[in-house]
Amino acid sequence: MGFLLIAYWIGMLVLLLVGLIKLIAAAVQQKPYKPGLKILLVGIVLLVIGAGACAAMIGGLSIG
């Protein structure tokens, strides 16, 4: 379980960084920035879901 948790957070962080880099690069080159924005949005959604799950586990809430 610990490995999956670490892999989840590393994957989410990579998505956020790649999305941000693609967004900045597209803005500088005046190209469409929609692909970078989609990747960034997926990273943010994963961040919210992961943080909510961690808060539920720490708080002892039962989901389901």
N, C-alpha and C. Protein backbone atom coordinates (compact mmCIF):
# COMPACT_ATOMS: atom_id res chain seq x y z
N MET A 1 0.83 -1.20 0.00
CA MET A 1 0.00 0.00 0.00
C MET A 1 0.87 1.25 0.00
N GLY A 2 1.97 1.21 0.72
CA GLY A 2 2.83 2.37 0.81
C GLY A 2 3.44 2.75 -0.54
N PHE A 3 3.82 1.72 -1.31
CA PHE A 3 4.40 1.99 -2.63
C PHE A 3 3.39 2.64 -3.56
N LEU A 4 2.13 2.15 -3.53
CA LEU A 4 1.09 2.72 -4.38
C LEU A 4 0.79 4.17 -4.01
N LEU A 5 0.80 4.45 -2.73
CA LEU A 5 0.55 5.81 -2.27
C LEU A 5 1.65 6.76 -2.74
N ILE A 6 2.88 6.33 -2.62
CA ILE A 6 4.01 7.16 -3.08
C ILE A 6 3.97 7.31 -4.60
N ALA A 7 3.67 6.24 -5.31
CA ALA A 7 3.58 6.30 -6.77
C ALA A 7 2.47 7.24 -7.21
N TYR A 8 1.35 7.23 -6.50
CA TYR A 8 0.23 8.14 -6.82
C TYR A 8 0.67 9.59 -6.70
N TRP A 9 1.30 9.94 -5.58
CA TRP A 9 1.70 11.33 -5.37
C TRP A 9 2.80 11.76 -6.34
N ILE A 10 3.72 10.86 -6.65
CA ILE A 10 4.77 11.19 -7.63
C ILE A 10 4.16 11.38 -9.02
N GLY A 11 3.24 10.50 -9.39
CA GLY A 11 2.55 10.64 -10.68
C GLY A 11 1.78 11.94 -10.78
N MET A 12 1.08 12.30 -9.71
CA MET A 12 0.33 13.56 -9.69
C MET A 12 1.27 14.75 -9.81
N LEU A 13 2.38 14.71 -9.13
CA LEU A 13 3.35 15.80 -9.19
C LEU A 13 3.94 15.93 -10.59
N VAL A 14 4.25 14.80 -11.21
CA VAL A 14 4.78 14.82 -12.58
C VAL A 14 3.76 15.44 -13.54
N LEU A 15 2.49 15.05 -13.41
CA LEU A 15 1.45 15.62 -14.26
C LEU A 15 1.34 17.13 -14.07
N LEU A 16 1.39 17.59 -12.84
CA LEU A 16 1.32 19.03 -12.58
C LEU A 16 2.50 19.77 -13.22
N LEU A 17 3.68 19.23 -13.04
CA LEU A 17 4.87 19.89 -13.58
C LEU A 17 4.89 19.89 -15.11
N VAL A 18 4.55 18.75 -15.72
CA VAL A 18 4.52 18.66 -17.18
C VAL A 18 3.47 19.61 -17.75
N GLY A 19 2.29 19.63 -17.14
CA GLY A 19 1.23 20.53 -17.59
C GLY A 19 1.64 21.98 -17.49
N LEU A 20 2.27 22.34 -16.39
CA LEU A 20 2.71 23.72 -16.20
C LEU A 20 3.79 24.10 -17.20
N ILE A 21 4.74 23.21 -17.43
CA ILE A 21 5.81 23.49 -18.39
C ILE A 21 5.25 23.63 -19.81
N LYS A 22 4.33 22.71 -20.18
CA LYS A 22 3.73 22.79 -21.51
C LYS A 22 2.91 24.07 -21.67
N LEU A 23 2.23 24.47 -20.62
CA LEU A 23 1.43 25.69 -20.66
C LEU A 23 2.31 26.92 -20.85
N ILE A 24 3.39 27.00 -20.11
CA ILE A 24 4.31 28.14 -20.22
C ILE A 24 4.99 28.14 -21.58
N ALA A 25 5.44 26.98 -22.05
CA ALA A 25 6.10 26.90 -23.34
C ALA A 25 5.17 27.31 -24.47
N ALA A 26 3.91 26.90 -24.40
CA ALA A 26 2.95 27.27 -25.44
C ALA A 26 2.65 28.76 -25.41
N ALA A 27 2.60 29.34 -24.23
CA ALA A 27 2.33 30.77 -24.12
C ALA A 27 3.50 31.59 -24.68
N VAL A 28 4.70 31.15 -24.41
CA VAL A 28 5.88 31.86 -24.91
C VAL A 28 5.96 31.78 -26.43
N GLN A 29 5.65 30.63 -26.99
CA GLN A 29 5.74 30.43 -28.44
C GLN A 29 4.46 30.84 -29.16
N GLN A 30 3.48 31.33 -28.43
CA GLN A 30 2.18 31.75 -28.95
C GLN A 30 1.52 30.63 -29.76
N LYS A 31 1.50 29.45 -29.18
CA LYS A 31 0.85 28.28 -29.75
C LYS A 31 -0.37 27.95 -28.90
N PRO A 32 -1.25 27.08 -29.39
CA PRO A 32 -2.41 26.68 -28.57
C PRO A 32 -1.96 26.03 -27.26
N TYR A 33 -2.55 26.46 -26.18
CA TYR A 33 -2.13 25.96 -24.87
C TYR A 33 -3.12 24.97 -24.28
N LYS A 34 -4.10 24.53 -25.05
CA LYS A 34 -5.12 23.62 -24.54
C LYS A 34 -4.57 22.27 -24.06
N PRO A 35 -3.63 21.62 -24.77
CA PRO A 35 -3.11 20.34 -24.25
C PRO A 35 -2.43 20.49 -22.88
N GLY A 36 -1.66 21.54 -22.70
CA GLY A 36 -1.01 21.76 -21.41
C GLY A 36 -2.02 22.04 -20.32
N LEU A 37 -3.08 22.76 -20.69
CA LEU A 37 -4.13 23.08 -19.72
C LEU A 37 -4.89 21.82 -19.30
N LYS A 38 -5.10 20.90 -20.24
CA LYS A 38 -5.78 19.63 -19.91
C LYS A 38 -4.95 18.80 -18.94
N ILE A 39 -3.65 18.71 -19.20
CA ILE A 39 -2.77 17.94 -18.32
C ILE A 39 -2.73 18.57 -16.93
N LEU A 40 -2.67 19.90 -16.88
CA LEU A 40 -2.65 20.60 -15.59
C LEU A 40 -3.96 20.37 -14.84
N LEU A 41 -5.08 20.38 -15.55
CA LEU A 41 -6.37 20.15 -14.93
C LEU A 41 -6.47 18.73 -14.35
N VAL A 42 -5.97 17.74 -15.08
CA VAL A 42 -5.97 16.36 -14.57
C VAL A 42 -5.12 16.27 -13.30
N GLY A 43 -3.97 16.94 -13.30
CA GLY A 43 -3.11 16.94 -12.11
C GLY A 43 -3.79 17.57 -10.91
N ILE A 44 -4.54 18.65 -11.14
CA ILE A 44 -5.24 19.33 -10.05
C ILE A 44 -6.37 18.44 -9.51
N VAL A 45 -7.09 17.78 -10.41
CA VAL A 45 -8.16 16.87 -9.96
C VAL A 45 -7.57 15.74 -9.12
N LEU A 46 -6.45 15.17 -9.56
CA LEU A 46 -5.80 14.11 -8.79
C LEU A 46 -5.32 14.62 -7.43
N LEU A 47 -4.85 15.86 -7.39
CA LEU A 47 -4.42 16.46 -6.13
C LEU A 47 -5.59 16.58 -5.17
N VAL A 48 -6.72 17.05 -5.64
CA VAL A 48 -7.90 17.22 -4.79
C VAL A 48 -8.41 15.86 -4.29
N ILE A 49 -8.48 14.89 -5.19
CA ILE A 49 -8.96 13.55 -4.79
C ILE A 49 -7.99 12.92 -3.79
N GLY A 50 -6.70 13.01 -4.06
CA GLY A 50 -5.71 12.43 -3.15
C GLY A 50 -5.69 13.10 -1.79
N ALA A 51 -5.80 14.42 -1.78
CA ALA A 51 -5.80 15.14 -0.51
C ALA A 51 -7.06 14.81 0.29
N GLY A 52 -8.20 14.68 -0.41
CA GLY A 52 -9.43 14.32 0.28
C GLY A 52 -9.37 12.92 0.87
N ALA A 53 -8.78 11.99 0.12
CA ALA A 53 -8.64 10.63 0.63
C ALA A 53 -7.70 10.59 1.84
N CYS A 54 -6.62 11.35 1.78
CA CYS A 54 -5.70 11.40 2.93
C CYS A 54 -6.38 12.00 4.15
N ALA A 55 -7.16 13.06 3.93
CA ALA A 55 -7.88 13.69 5.05
C ALA A 55 -8.89 12.72 5.65
N ALA A 56 -9.54 11.94 4.81
CA ALA A 56 -10.52 10.96 5.30
C ALA A 56 -9.82 9.86 6.11
N MET A 57 -8.65 9.41 5.63
CA MET A 57 -7.92 8.36 6.37
C MET A 57 -7.38 8.90 7.69
N ILE A 58 -6.85 10.11 7.67
CA ILE A 58 -6.32 10.69 8.90
C ILE A 58 -7.43 10.97 9.90
N GLY A 59 -8.55 11.47 9.40
CA GLY A 59 -9.67 11.79 10.28
C GLY A 59 -10.44 10.58 10.74
N GLY A 60 -10.18 9.41 10.17
CA GLY A 60 -10.85 8.20 10.58
C GLY A 60 -12.27 8.09 10.01
N LEU A 61 -12.55 8.80 8.93
CA LEU A 61 -13.88 8.72 8.33
C LEU A 61 -14.04 7.44 7.54
N SER A 62 -15.22 6.93 7.51
CA SER A 62 -15.53 5.74 6.76
C SER A 62 -16.27 6.14 5.48
N ILE A 63 -15.65 5.88 4.34
CA ILE A 63 -16.27 6.23 3.06
C ILE A 63 -16.96 5.00 2.50
N GLY A 64 -18.25 5.12 2.26
CA GLY A 64 -18.97 4.00 1.64
C GLY A 64 -19.96 3.32 2.52
